[in-house]
Every structure is written in C-alpha cells, then in structure tokens.
Protein backbone atom coordinates (compact mmCIF):
# COMPACT_ATOMS: atom_id res chain seq x y z
CA MET A 1 153.25 125.20 56.71
CA ALA A 2 151.20 126.55 59.59
CA LYS A 3 153.60 129.45 60.20
CA ASP A 4 156.16 131.43 58.28
CA THR A 5 159.50 129.61 58.24
CA SER A 6 161.39 132.61 59.60
CA GLU A 7 159.05 132.66 62.62
CA ILE A 8 159.50 129.02 63.61
CA TYR A 9 163.18 128.60 62.70
CA GLY A 10 165.23 128.11 65.87
CA SER A 11 162.20 128.81 68.08
CA LEU A 12 163.13 125.85 70.33
CA VAL A 13 166.86 126.64 70.51
CA PHE A 14 168.79 128.60 73.13
CA ASN A 15 170.83 130.11 70.32
CA ASP A 16 173.06 133.14 69.97
CA LYS A 17 170.10 135.48 69.43
CA VAL A 18 168.39 134.30 72.64
CA MET A 19 171.63 134.48 74.62
CA LYS A 20 172.30 138.01 73.41
CA GLU A 21 168.83 139.08 74.56
CA ARG A 22 168.88 137.35 77.96
CA LEU A 23 172.48 137.36 79.20
CA PRO A 24 174.30 140.35 80.72
CA LYS A 25 176.72 141.76 78.16
CA PRO A 26 179.95 140.65 79.97
CA ILE A 27 178.54 137.12 80.43
CA TYR A 28 177.48 136.94 76.79
CA LYS A 29 180.91 138.09 75.59
CA SER A 30 182.68 135.53 77.78
CA LEU A 31 180.44 132.66 76.62
CA HIS A 32 180.73 133.78 72.99
CA LYS A 33 184.53 133.72 73.32
CA THR A 34 184.32 130.16 74.66
CA ILE A 35 182.16 129.07 71.74
CA LYS A 36 184.15 130.83 69.02
CA ASP A 37 187.71 130.63 70.38
CA GLY A 38 187.60 127.56 72.63
CA THR A 39 188.57 129.43 75.82
CA PRO A 40 187.74 127.82 79.22
CA LEU A 41 184.44 128.65 80.95
CA ASN A 42 184.37 129.97 84.53
CA GLU A 43 181.77 129.28 87.24
CA GLU A 44 180.30 132.80 87.27
CA VAL A 45 179.48 132.57 83.58
CA ALA A 46 178.02 129.07 84.02
CA ASN A 47 175.67 130.22 86.81
CA ALA A 48 174.40 133.17 84.77
CA VAL A 49 173.89 131.02 81.67
CA ALA A 50 172.11 128.31 83.68
CA HIS A 51 169.65 130.81 85.18
CA ALA A 52 168.86 132.40 81.81
CA MET A 53 168.55 128.99 80.17
CA LYS A 54 166.13 127.79 82.87
CA GLU A 55 163.98 130.93 82.65
CA TRP A 56 163.76 130.58 78.86
CA ALA A 57 162.94 126.87 79.10
CA VAL A 58 160.20 127.37 81.71
CA GLU A 59 158.63 130.11 79.59
CA ASN A 60 158.49 127.54 76.78
CA GLY A 61 156.68 124.95 78.92
CA CYS A 62 159.60 122.92 80.29
CA THR A 63 159.58 121.40 83.78
CA HIS A 64 162.63 119.15 83.27
CA TYR A 65 166.12 119.27 81.78
CA THR A 66 168.43 116.54 80.55
CA HIS A 67 172.08 116.12 79.67
CA TRP A 68 171.68 114.83 76.11
CA PHE A 69 174.61 112.58 75.15
CA GLN A 70 175.75 110.04 72.58
CA PRO A 71 176.80 106.69 74.11
CA LEU A 72 178.21 103.87 71.99
CA THR A 73 174.74 102.58 71.14
CA GLY A 74 174.25 104.34 67.80
CA GLY A 75 171.71 106.78 69.22
CA THR A 76 171.29 109.34 71.99
CA SER A 77 170.47 109.06 75.69
CA GLU A 78 168.80 111.32 78.21
CA LYS A 79 167.85 111.32 81.92
CA HIS A 80 165.21 113.89 82.86
CA ASP A 81 165.61 115.93 86.06
CA ALA A 82 163.03 118.44 87.26
CA PHE A 83 163.88 122.08 87.90
CA ILE A 84 162.02 121.93 91.24
CA ASP A 85 163.98 122.68 94.42
CA PRO A 86 162.06 122.19 97.74
CA VAL A 87 162.47 125.12 100.15
CA GLY A 88 161.39 123.33 103.36
CA ASP A 89 157.93 124.78 103.99
CA GLY A 90 156.03 122.43 101.72
CA THR A 91 156.67 124.54 98.63
CA ALA A 92 159.27 124.46 95.89
CA ILE A 93 160.95 126.88 93.52
CA MET A 94 162.26 126.34 90.01
CA ALA A 95 166.06 126.40 90.09
CA PHE A 96 168.99 125.39 87.90
CA SER A 97 172.61 126.00 88.89
CA GLY A 98 175.80 126.37 86.90
CA LYS A 99 177.07 123.13 88.43
CA GLU A 100 173.98 121.28 87.17
CA LEU A 101 174.51 122.80 83.73
CA ILE A 102 178.20 121.92 83.51
CA GLN A 103 178.25 118.42 85.00
CA GLY A 104 175.85 115.51 85.34
CA GLU A 105 176.20 111.99 86.67
CA PRO A 106 174.18 109.33 84.85
CA ASP A 107 174.67 105.71 85.86
CA ALA A 108 177.19 104.45 83.31
CA SER A 109 177.21 100.77 84.28
CA SER A 110 174.90 99.59 81.50
CA PHE A 111 176.40 101.57 78.62
CA PRO A 112 178.90 99.97 76.20
CA SER A 113 182.53 100.78 76.96
CA GLY A 114 184.40 98.68 74.40
CA GLY A 115 186.20 96.87 77.23
CA LEU A 116 187.71 100.10 78.58
CA ARG A 117 186.81 99.26 82.17
CA GLN A 118 185.43 96.61 84.53
CA THR A 119 181.74 95.83 84.25
CA ALA A 120 181.36 96.61 87.97
CA SER A 121 182.47 100.22 87.42
CA ALA A 122 179.29 102.27 87.37
CA ARG A 123 180.13 105.95 87.74
CA GLY A 124 180.08 108.20 84.69
CA TYR A 125 179.96 111.94 84.04
CA THR A 126 178.38 114.17 81.44
CA ALA A 127 180.04 117.50 80.62
CA TRP A 128 178.31 120.43 78.89
CA ASP A 129 179.47 121.17 75.34
CA PRO A 130 178.88 124.95 75.03
CA THR A 131 179.67 124.88 71.30
CA SER A 132 176.35 123.08 70.64
CA TYR A 133 173.21 125.03 71.47
CA ALA A 134 170.74 123.70 74.04
CA PHE A 135 167.27 123.00 72.67
CA ILE A 136 163.78 121.95 73.73
CA LYS A 137 162.42 118.56 72.72
CA ASP A 138 159.09 117.25 74.00
CA GLU A 139 159.01 120.07 76.58
CA VAL A 140 162.38 119.02 78.04
CA LEU A 141 165.46 121.27 77.96
CA CYS A 142 168.16 119.21 76.23
CA ILE A 143 171.77 120.18 76.93
CA PRO A 144 174.32 118.60 74.53
CA THR A 145 177.07 116.95 76.56
CA ALA A 146 180.08 114.66 76.39
CA PHE A 147 180.02 111.38 78.34
CA VAL A 148 183.08 109.95 80.12
CA SER A 149 183.90 107.34 82.75
CA TYR A 150 184.99 107.94 86.36
CA THR A 151 188.62 107.88 85.19
CA GLY A 152 188.05 110.08 82.13
CA GLU A 153 187.83 107.52 79.32
CA ALA A 154 185.45 108.48 76.53
CA LEU A 155 182.24 106.45 76.65
CA ASP A 156 180.62 108.31 73.77
CA LYS A 157 181.22 109.59 70.25
CA LYS A 158 181.27 113.32 71.03
CA THR A 159 184.35 113.28 73.29
CA PRO A 160 186.71 111.73 70.68
CA LEU A 161 185.27 114.09 68.06
CA LEU A 162 185.94 117.19 70.17
CA ARG A 163 189.43 115.92 70.98
CA SER A 164 190.20 115.32 67.31
CA MET A 165 188.84 118.76 66.38
CA LYS A 166 191.18 120.30 68.96
CA ALA A 167 194.16 118.36 67.55
CA ILE A 168 193.37 119.47 63.99
CA SER A 169 192.92 123.06 65.13
CA ASN A 170 196.28 123.10 66.94
CA GLU A 171 198.18 121.68 63.97
CA ALA A 172 196.36 123.80 61.38
CA LYS A 173 197.08 126.99 63.35
CA ARG A 174 200.75 126.00 63.48
CA VAL A 175 200.80 125.55 59.69
CA LEU A 176 198.95 128.82 59.04
CA ALA A 177 201.47 130.65 61.21
CA CYS A 178 204.15 129.60 58.70
CA PHE A 179 202.24 131.67 56.13
CA GLY A 180 202.11 134.68 58.44
CA ILE A 181 198.51 134.00 59.50
CA ASP A 182 198.84 133.94 63.27
CA ASP A 183 195.61 135.65 64.40
CA VAL A 184 193.25 132.68 63.88
CA PRO A 185 191.52 131.76 67.19
CA GLN A 186 190.76 128.22 66.05
CA VAL A 187 190.39 126.07 62.95
CA VAL A 188 187.31 123.86 62.78
CA THR A 189 186.20 120.94 60.68
CA THR A 190 182.79 121.23 59.05
CA VAL A 191 180.35 118.55 57.91
CA GLY A 192 177.19 118.50 55.85
CA ALA A 193 175.76 115.06 56.65
CA GLU A 194 173.20 113.87 54.11
CA GLN A 195 170.65 111.33 55.33
CA GLU A 196 168.95 108.69 53.18
CA TYR A 197 166.04 106.60 54.45
CA PHE A 198 163.22 104.29 53.39
CA LEU A 199 159.51 104.80 54.08
CA ILE A 200 157.15 101.83 54.18
CA LYS A 201 153.56 101.49 55.35
CA LEU A 202 153.32 101.06 59.11
CA ASP A 203 151.12 97.95 58.85
CA HIS A 204 153.64 96.33 56.47
CA TYR A 205 156.42 97.04 58.96
CA SER A 206 154.37 95.60 61.83
CA ALA A 207 153.91 92.36 59.86
CA ARG A 208 157.68 91.79 59.47
CA PRO A 209 159.45 90.55 62.63
CA ASP A 210 162.81 90.78 60.84
CA LEU A 211 162.34 94.50 60.18
CA ILE A 212 161.20 95.04 63.76
CA LEU A 213 164.09 93.12 65.34
CA ALA A 214 166.94 93.63 62.85
CA GLY A 215 166.00 96.75 60.90
CA ARG A 216 166.38 94.81 57.63
CA THR A 217 164.68 91.99 55.78
CA LEU A 218 166.33 88.61 56.33
CA PHE A 219 164.30 86.65 53.76
CA GLY A 220 161.65 87.19 51.10
CA ALA A 221 161.13 87.28 47.34
CA ALA A 222 162.50 90.06 45.18
CA PRO A 223 159.85 92.58 44.06
CA ALA A 224 158.43 92.33 40.56
CA LYS A 225 159.80 95.81 39.88
CA GLY A 226 162.86 97.34 41.48
CA GLN A 227 165.00 100.32 40.49
CA GLU A 228 165.82 99.17 36.95
CA LEU A 229 164.39 102.23 35.22
CA ASP A 230 165.64 104.75 37.82
CA GLU A 231 162.36 106.65 37.49
CA HIS A 232 162.03 107.05 41.26
CA TYR A 233 165.25 109.11 41.45
CA PHE A 234 164.27 112.80 41.68
CA GLY A 235 160.75 111.78 40.66
CA ALA A 236 157.58 113.55 41.75
CA VAL A 237 157.06 113.06 45.50
CA ARG A 238 153.82 111.33 46.43
CA GLU A 239 151.32 113.36 48.44
CA THR A 240 151.57 111.26 51.61
CA VAL A 241 155.37 111.41 51.54
CA SER A 242 155.30 115.13 50.75
CA ASP A 243 153.10 115.80 53.79
CA TYR A 244 155.51 113.76 55.90
CA MET A 245 158.52 115.68 54.56
CA LYS A 246 156.81 119.00 55.33
CA GLU A 247 156.25 117.95 58.95
CA VAL A 248 159.88 116.79 59.24
CA ASP A 249 161.14 120.09 57.83
CA GLU A 250 159.01 122.12 60.24
CA GLU A 251 160.11 120.11 63.30
CA LEU A 252 163.78 120.33 62.29
CA TRP A 253 163.60 124.06 61.59
CA LYS A 254 162.17 124.62 65.08
CA LEU A 255 165.31 122.89 66.39
CA GLY A 256 167.58 125.07 64.26
CA VAL A 257 168.57 122.21 61.95
CA ASP A 258 169.32 123.62 58.48
CA ALA A 259 167.29 121.07 56.50
CA LYS A 260 167.82 122.33 52.96
CA THR A 261 167.21 119.64 50.33
CA LYS A 262 164.76 116.74 50.02
CA HIS A 263 164.02 114.37 47.15
CA ASN A 264 163.22 110.84 46.07
CA GLU A 265 166.26 108.56 45.96
CA VAL A 266 167.08 105.72 43.55
CA ALA A 267 165.40 102.74 45.20
CA PRO A 268 161.60 102.51 45.43
CA ALA A 269 160.35 104.09 48.69
CA GLN A 270 163.80 105.62 49.31
CA HIS A 271 164.29 109.33 50.02
CA GLU A 272 166.93 111.81 51.16
CA ILE A 273 167.18 114.91 53.33
CA ALA A 274 170.31 117.07 53.34
CA PRO A 275 171.33 120.02 55.54
CA ILE A 276 173.64 122.98 55.06
CA PHE A 277 177.12 122.22 56.43
CA ALA A 278 177.98 123.17 60.02
CA ARG A 279 180.74 122.79 62.59
CA SER A 280 181.36 119.03 62.88
CA SER A 281 180.18 118.60 66.48
CA THR A 282 177.01 120.59 65.76
CA ALA A 283 176.43 118.73 62.49
CA ILE A 284 176.58 115.37 64.29
CA ASP A 285 174.10 116.58 66.92
CA ASN A 286 171.83 117.77 64.12
CA ASN A 287 172.07 114.47 62.25
CA LEU A 288 171.11 112.50 65.36
CA LEU A 289 168.14 114.83 65.82
CA THR A 290 167.26 114.41 62.14
CA MET A 291 167.12 110.62 62.43
CA GLU A 292 164.99 110.90 65.57
CA ILE A 293 162.54 113.31 63.94
CA LEU A 294 162.35 111.16 60.78
CA ARG A 295 161.30 108.17 62.88
CA LYS A 296 159.01 110.19 65.16
CA CYS A 297 156.97 111.83 62.37
CA ALA A 298 156.46 108.77 60.16
CA PRO A 299 153.61 107.11 62.17
CA HIS A 300 151.62 110.36 61.95
CA HIS A 301 151.22 109.55 58.25
CA GLY A 302 150.74 105.77 58.54
CA LEU A 303 154.41 105.19 57.68
CA TYR A 304 157.53 103.74 59.27
CA CYS A 305 160.99 105.18 58.61
CA LEU A 306 163.87 102.72 58.13
CA ILE A 307 167.25 104.32 58.88
CA ARG A 308 169.40 101.18 58.69
CA GLU A 309 171.92 101.25 55.84
CA LYS A 310 170.72 98.17 53.91
CA PRO A 311 167.15 97.20 54.79
CA PHE A 312 166.46 95.50 51.44
CA ALA A 313 168.66 93.31 49.23
CA GLY A 314 168.99 94.01 45.51
CA VAL A 315 168.40 97.76 45.63
CA ASN A 316 170.41 100.75 46.81
CA GLY A 317 171.16 101.10 50.49
CA SER A 318 170.99 104.31 52.47
CA GLY A 319 174.28 106.19 52.64
CA LYS A 320 175.22 109.23 54.68
CA HIS A 321 177.51 111.33 52.50
CA ASN A 322 179.68 113.61 54.64
CA ASN A 323 180.62 116.85 52.88
CA TRP A 324 183.68 117.49 55.05
CA SER A 325 186.18 120.34 55.13
CA ILE A 326 188.57 122.36 57.32
CA ALA A 327 188.03 126.08 57.80
CA THR A 328 188.90 129.21 59.72
CA PRO A 329 186.22 131.86 60.31
CA ASP A 330 187.32 133.51 57.04
CA MET A 331 188.78 130.77 54.85
CA ASN A 332 188.00 127.23 53.68
CA LEU A 333 191.40 125.53 53.68
CA LEU A 334 190.18 122.90 51.20
CA SER A 335 188.81 125.39 48.68
CA PRO A 336 190.96 125.33 45.50
CA GLY A 337 190.11 128.93 44.63
CA LYS A 338 190.42 130.32 41.12
CA ASP A 339 194.03 129.16 40.74
CA PRO A 340 194.55 125.88 42.65
CA ALA A 341 197.97 125.31 41.08
CA ASN A 342 199.30 128.37 42.94
CA ASN A 343 197.10 128.19 46.05
CA THR A 344 199.83 127.05 48.44
CA ILE A 345 197.67 126.81 51.57
CA PHE A 346 195.13 124.66 49.73
CA LEU A 347 197.81 122.39 48.24
CA LEU A 348 199.51 121.91 51.61
CA THR A 349 196.20 121.13 53.32
CA LEU A 350 195.31 118.71 50.53
CA ALA A 351 198.69 116.97 50.82
CA ALA A 352 198.22 116.62 54.59
CA VAL A 353 194.78 115.05 54.07
CA LEU A 354 196.17 112.62 51.47
CA GLN A 355 198.98 111.65 53.86
CA ALA A 356 196.50 111.16 56.71
CA VAL A 357 194.20 108.94 54.63
CA ASP A 358 197.18 106.85 53.52
CA ASP A 359 198.62 106.51 57.03
CA TYR A 360 195.33 105.83 58.81
CA GLN A 361 193.26 104.02 56.19
CA GLU A 362 192.62 101.07 58.53
CA LEU A 363 191.21 103.43 61.16
CA LEU A 364 189.01 105.17 58.58
CA ARG A 365 187.72 101.80 57.40
CA ALA A 366 186.99 100.73 60.98
CA THR A 367 184.86 103.82 61.61
CA VAL A 368 182.32 102.69 58.99
CA ALA A 369 182.59 98.94 59.60
CA THR A 370 179.20 98.51 61.22
CA ALA A 371 177.09 95.44 60.52
CA GLY A 372 174.51 97.52 58.66
CA ASN A 373 176.99 99.46 56.53
CA ASP A 374 179.06 96.42 55.58
CA HIS A 375 175.92 94.96 54.01
CA ARG A 376 175.72 98.11 51.86
CA LEU A 377 179.31 98.63 50.71
CA GLY A 378 180.41 97.34 47.31
CA ALA A 379 177.06 97.09 45.55
CA ASN A 380 174.22 99.18 44.13
CA GLU A 381 176.13 102.48 43.81
CA ALA A 382 177.80 102.18 47.23
CA PRO A 383 181.61 102.56 47.25
CA PRO A 384 183.71 99.43 47.81
CA ALA A 385 185.04 98.53 51.24
CA ILE A 386 188.48 99.78 50.19
CA ILE A 387 189.78 103.21 51.19
CA SER A 388 190.85 105.38 48.26
CA VAL A 389 190.97 109.08 47.36
CA PHE A 390 189.60 110.61 44.16
CA LEU A 391 190.90 114.07 43.22
CA GLY A 392 189.60 114.55 39.68
CA ASP A 393 191.52 115.40 36.51
CA GLU A 394 192.67 118.93 37.40
CA LEU A 395 193.88 118.26 40.94
CA GLU A 396 195.39 114.91 39.97
CA SER A 397 197.44 116.59 37.22
CA ILE A 398 198.62 119.23 39.72
CA ARG A 399 199.53 116.54 42.26
CA ALA A 400 201.40 114.49 39.66
CA ALA A 401 203.37 117.53 38.47
CA ILE A 402 204.41 118.46 42.01
CA ALA A 403 205.42 114.85 42.72
CA LYS A 404 207.69 114.94 39.64
CA GLY A 405 209.19 118.27 40.66
CA GLU A 406 207.54 120.07 37.75
CA ASP A 407 205.55 123.30 37.74
CA PRO A 408 201.82 122.49 37.68
CA ALA A 409 199.95 123.96 34.76
CA ALA A 410 197.01 126.24 35.52
CA SER A 411 193.76 125.37 33.79
CA ALA A 412 191.12 127.85 32.76
CA LYS A 413 187.47 127.48 33.72
CA LYS A 414 185.45 125.86 30.96
CA LEU A 415 182.04 126.95 29.73
CA MET A 416 179.73 124.31 28.30
CA ASP A 417 177.77 125.17 25.16
CA LEU A 418 174.58 123.10 25.29
CA GLY A 419 173.81 123.62 21.62
CA SER A 420 170.76 125.82 22.02
CA ASP A 421 170.65 129.61 21.97
CA VAL A 422 167.97 129.72 24.68
CA LEU A 423 170.08 127.74 27.15
CA PRO A 424 172.83 129.47 29.14
CA HIS A 425 176.48 128.44 28.96
CA LEU A 426 177.25 126.42 32.08
CA SER A 427 180.42 126.78 34.12
CA GLN A 428 182.07 123.35 34.29
CA ASP A 429 183.53 122.22 37.60
CA ALA A 430 187.16 121.20 37.86
CA THR A 431 186.20 117.57 38.44
CA ASP A 432 183.37 115.14 37.93
CA ARG A 433 181.73 113.57 40.97
CA ASN A 434 182.97 110.09 41.83
CA ARG A 435 180.75 107.40 43.35
CA THR A 436 183.31 104.60 43.74
CA SER A 437 185.84 106.31 46.03
CA PRO A 438 184.95 106.62 49.74
CA PHE A 439 187.06 109.79 50.01
CA ALA A 440 186.35 111.91 46.95
CA PHE A 441 187.12 115.58 46.36
CA THR A 442 183.92 117.24 45.15
CA GLY A 443 184.87 120.91 45.07
CA ASN A 444 184.28 123.74 47.51
CA ARG A 445 182.09 121.91 50.04
C-alpha cells in the first residue's frame, strides 16, 4: 500500500467526519437527525449542505456532480453536470444549490420500467438519499439518489428498498413498544453482501465473443482439471491476483467501503471479497461500487473480472451471500443472545421472519430469478431454486417446543476438545452452517 490505511480510508467520502468539520452546528445536527431518525429535510439545511459539499468536492479536484442512481439495468447510471454558473460578464462561478442537491431530472424514456408506463413518457426524477454518503469517483461528485417516474412510480431498486425499510421500521417499533421499548427512533435492516467473481486473462476474454456479449461461455470443452481436489479454496493467492486485490482494497477504502475479507474461492480462477455489514441501503450502494471497482482495476493487471453468476459450466458459480438482520441502534433483533429460549424479542422477530418467508416465498424467489442466477441455482454448492429456511438444531428444537405448547429447553454452550493440549478449547456455535437452504440462520450476523 502506498499510504497508511487509516489515512486513505474514506478520503473520497463526504462522511460524518467531514460534515461535522464543515457544516454549522445547527445544520449538522438537523442533517444528522434526518440520517439517524428519518426526519424530513428542510430547504435551509439542503442549501447549507450543498454549499459545503461543493466546496469539499472542488478542493478534491471535481468540476462536475452527478445524481448516482440504480435503474432496472443491473448497474448504476450517472449524468454529469458542471458546477459552473455564468454570471453574465463572460465569467463564471462555481455554484451548487440545495435544489440541485435534492432533485434532478434525467431523461427517463430509455430506462426499463417493467411496463409501468407508456413508452412515450419521458420525464423522470432523482431524489437525494441523505442516508448514503456522497463520494468522489473519477473526479466527479456522486450523490446517491432514488429514481422515480413523473407520476412517482419507482424506476429503480433503491426506492422500493427504502420503502420496505420504512415499513419494517414502523412495524418493528410497534412491536418493541409492546415490550416497553418506545424510545427507538427507527429500526433498520442491515446487510453484509459478499461478492464472488472470476478473473481470467484479458487476452483470453477478448478472444471469446460469448464472454463479451453474454458474460458466460455458451460452448467449449471442459477443462482437463476443474475443482475436484478443492485445492484452490483458501489456497495461496497468486502474485498477480494479490496485486489486483490490493489495488481493489485501496480503491474501496478510499470510498469508505468496509472491504474486510478476501480469498480464493472453490472454482479455479474464482475469488471472493466480503465487507463488514452496514445499513441495507448503504450496503447495496457499496456492493454496486465494489463490482464497478472489481471490473475497473482488472485490466491494470492484464485481467478481466467476470461478475456474472455462472460464467462457466461444471464448476461453482459466483454467489452473493447476504448476511441480513434487523437492528436498533443498540440491539440486534435477530441475535439469540446467551439464552435464546427465553429471549422473547428474538423469538418473536424470528417467528415474524418465518411467517414472512412462508407467506411471500414466491416474491422472494422472483427477486433472484435472473437469467444468470437461474443458471447457478441447484448445482455446484448453490442452493436449490426452492425457498426454505434452516434454523439449526438448537433453534429448531425451541421452535418445535413452542409449536407444541411446551417449554423450550435451554442448552448450554459447548466447548470442543480438539485432543491436543497445545490447542485451545473452541466454543461451538448453536448451529452448523447450511449450504442448501436459501434462507439459513447463521448466528449473530
């Protein structure tokens, strides 16, 4: 690394630290309340934030800004507008208003709408999401936004996510109030989205029209050696790949993405990067940035990064495990705690999740029914295309006892003796990890 990690981390993000330094105290407090509690934002605050954001961006080499959004294309979109504002005497100043920060108007006519509106309808709006920090990418200030039609229909993936997070927060607060916990400003869902990918030589990629056009091989002979011996999994990382991973880490850390873990995956040339969990809307933004950076850095090392879920037949595909939970600022509602059998809030939350998965399994299945992912499901360690929930032995016994009207038995933590005096006794988790259930409980995630 060229610089110390603590120096570069978040250096391209208009984060809480930067806002605290640059915003007047009343403005900062009001914006912070919007981010943490979900309260509405007023115009005075927006104007002050826009000015500070522009000054910070210009100091970091930016001349343009963009409302960065997530249309129904599987990626992100951006339209760059300059900060310049002509003053009438042949000169211009750099300006950025609260209105420009809060609302944008990209042409929406050519974006997918899922049949929500007529093809002739062209107007669309972007709306600033203050819960996701603005950042600088390629010397452009990127402002995370939602994208809707002229009549308010969601044309992106962020708007439904924010709406669903609000619905969960409202209902979770109502439930917590029944336990006497009525001072929670909001309940959020969190996600730690792992990202698997393949790396192949750039010249090999350029020689395959099917990879270029479809992101996967459509024909070809099986390799002489695949993943039969599993020696690639967690194996030593090759020097070229290691250099690539270091560059990816550094670029992501500059953008405030908590890239934590990296390793070789099961299939030859397959790898994984995993972040620390974050608020769901932020985690999705970070995952989209991660995929972009993975693709952007690969050619610097003579490589091409394949993100598609199943680029090669006969070996593992690339999954995106979502370590998902529901939490208040002080409590993970899906954490079993030391005594899950008597943790009423946890058991009620778990029961609600089980009910939701059962009631809306078709909707859950539809959310992952992309062409690429359906090639992956059901083979080579991928879960089947059937929605199920795995709880593990301890939680399943508690659930079964409650269903029968019996008192669930508490189970003590187990220590594993590995048979050698020099090895420590390991604390055994309440459940094994399950690879065949799409919705598996894996502990306090």
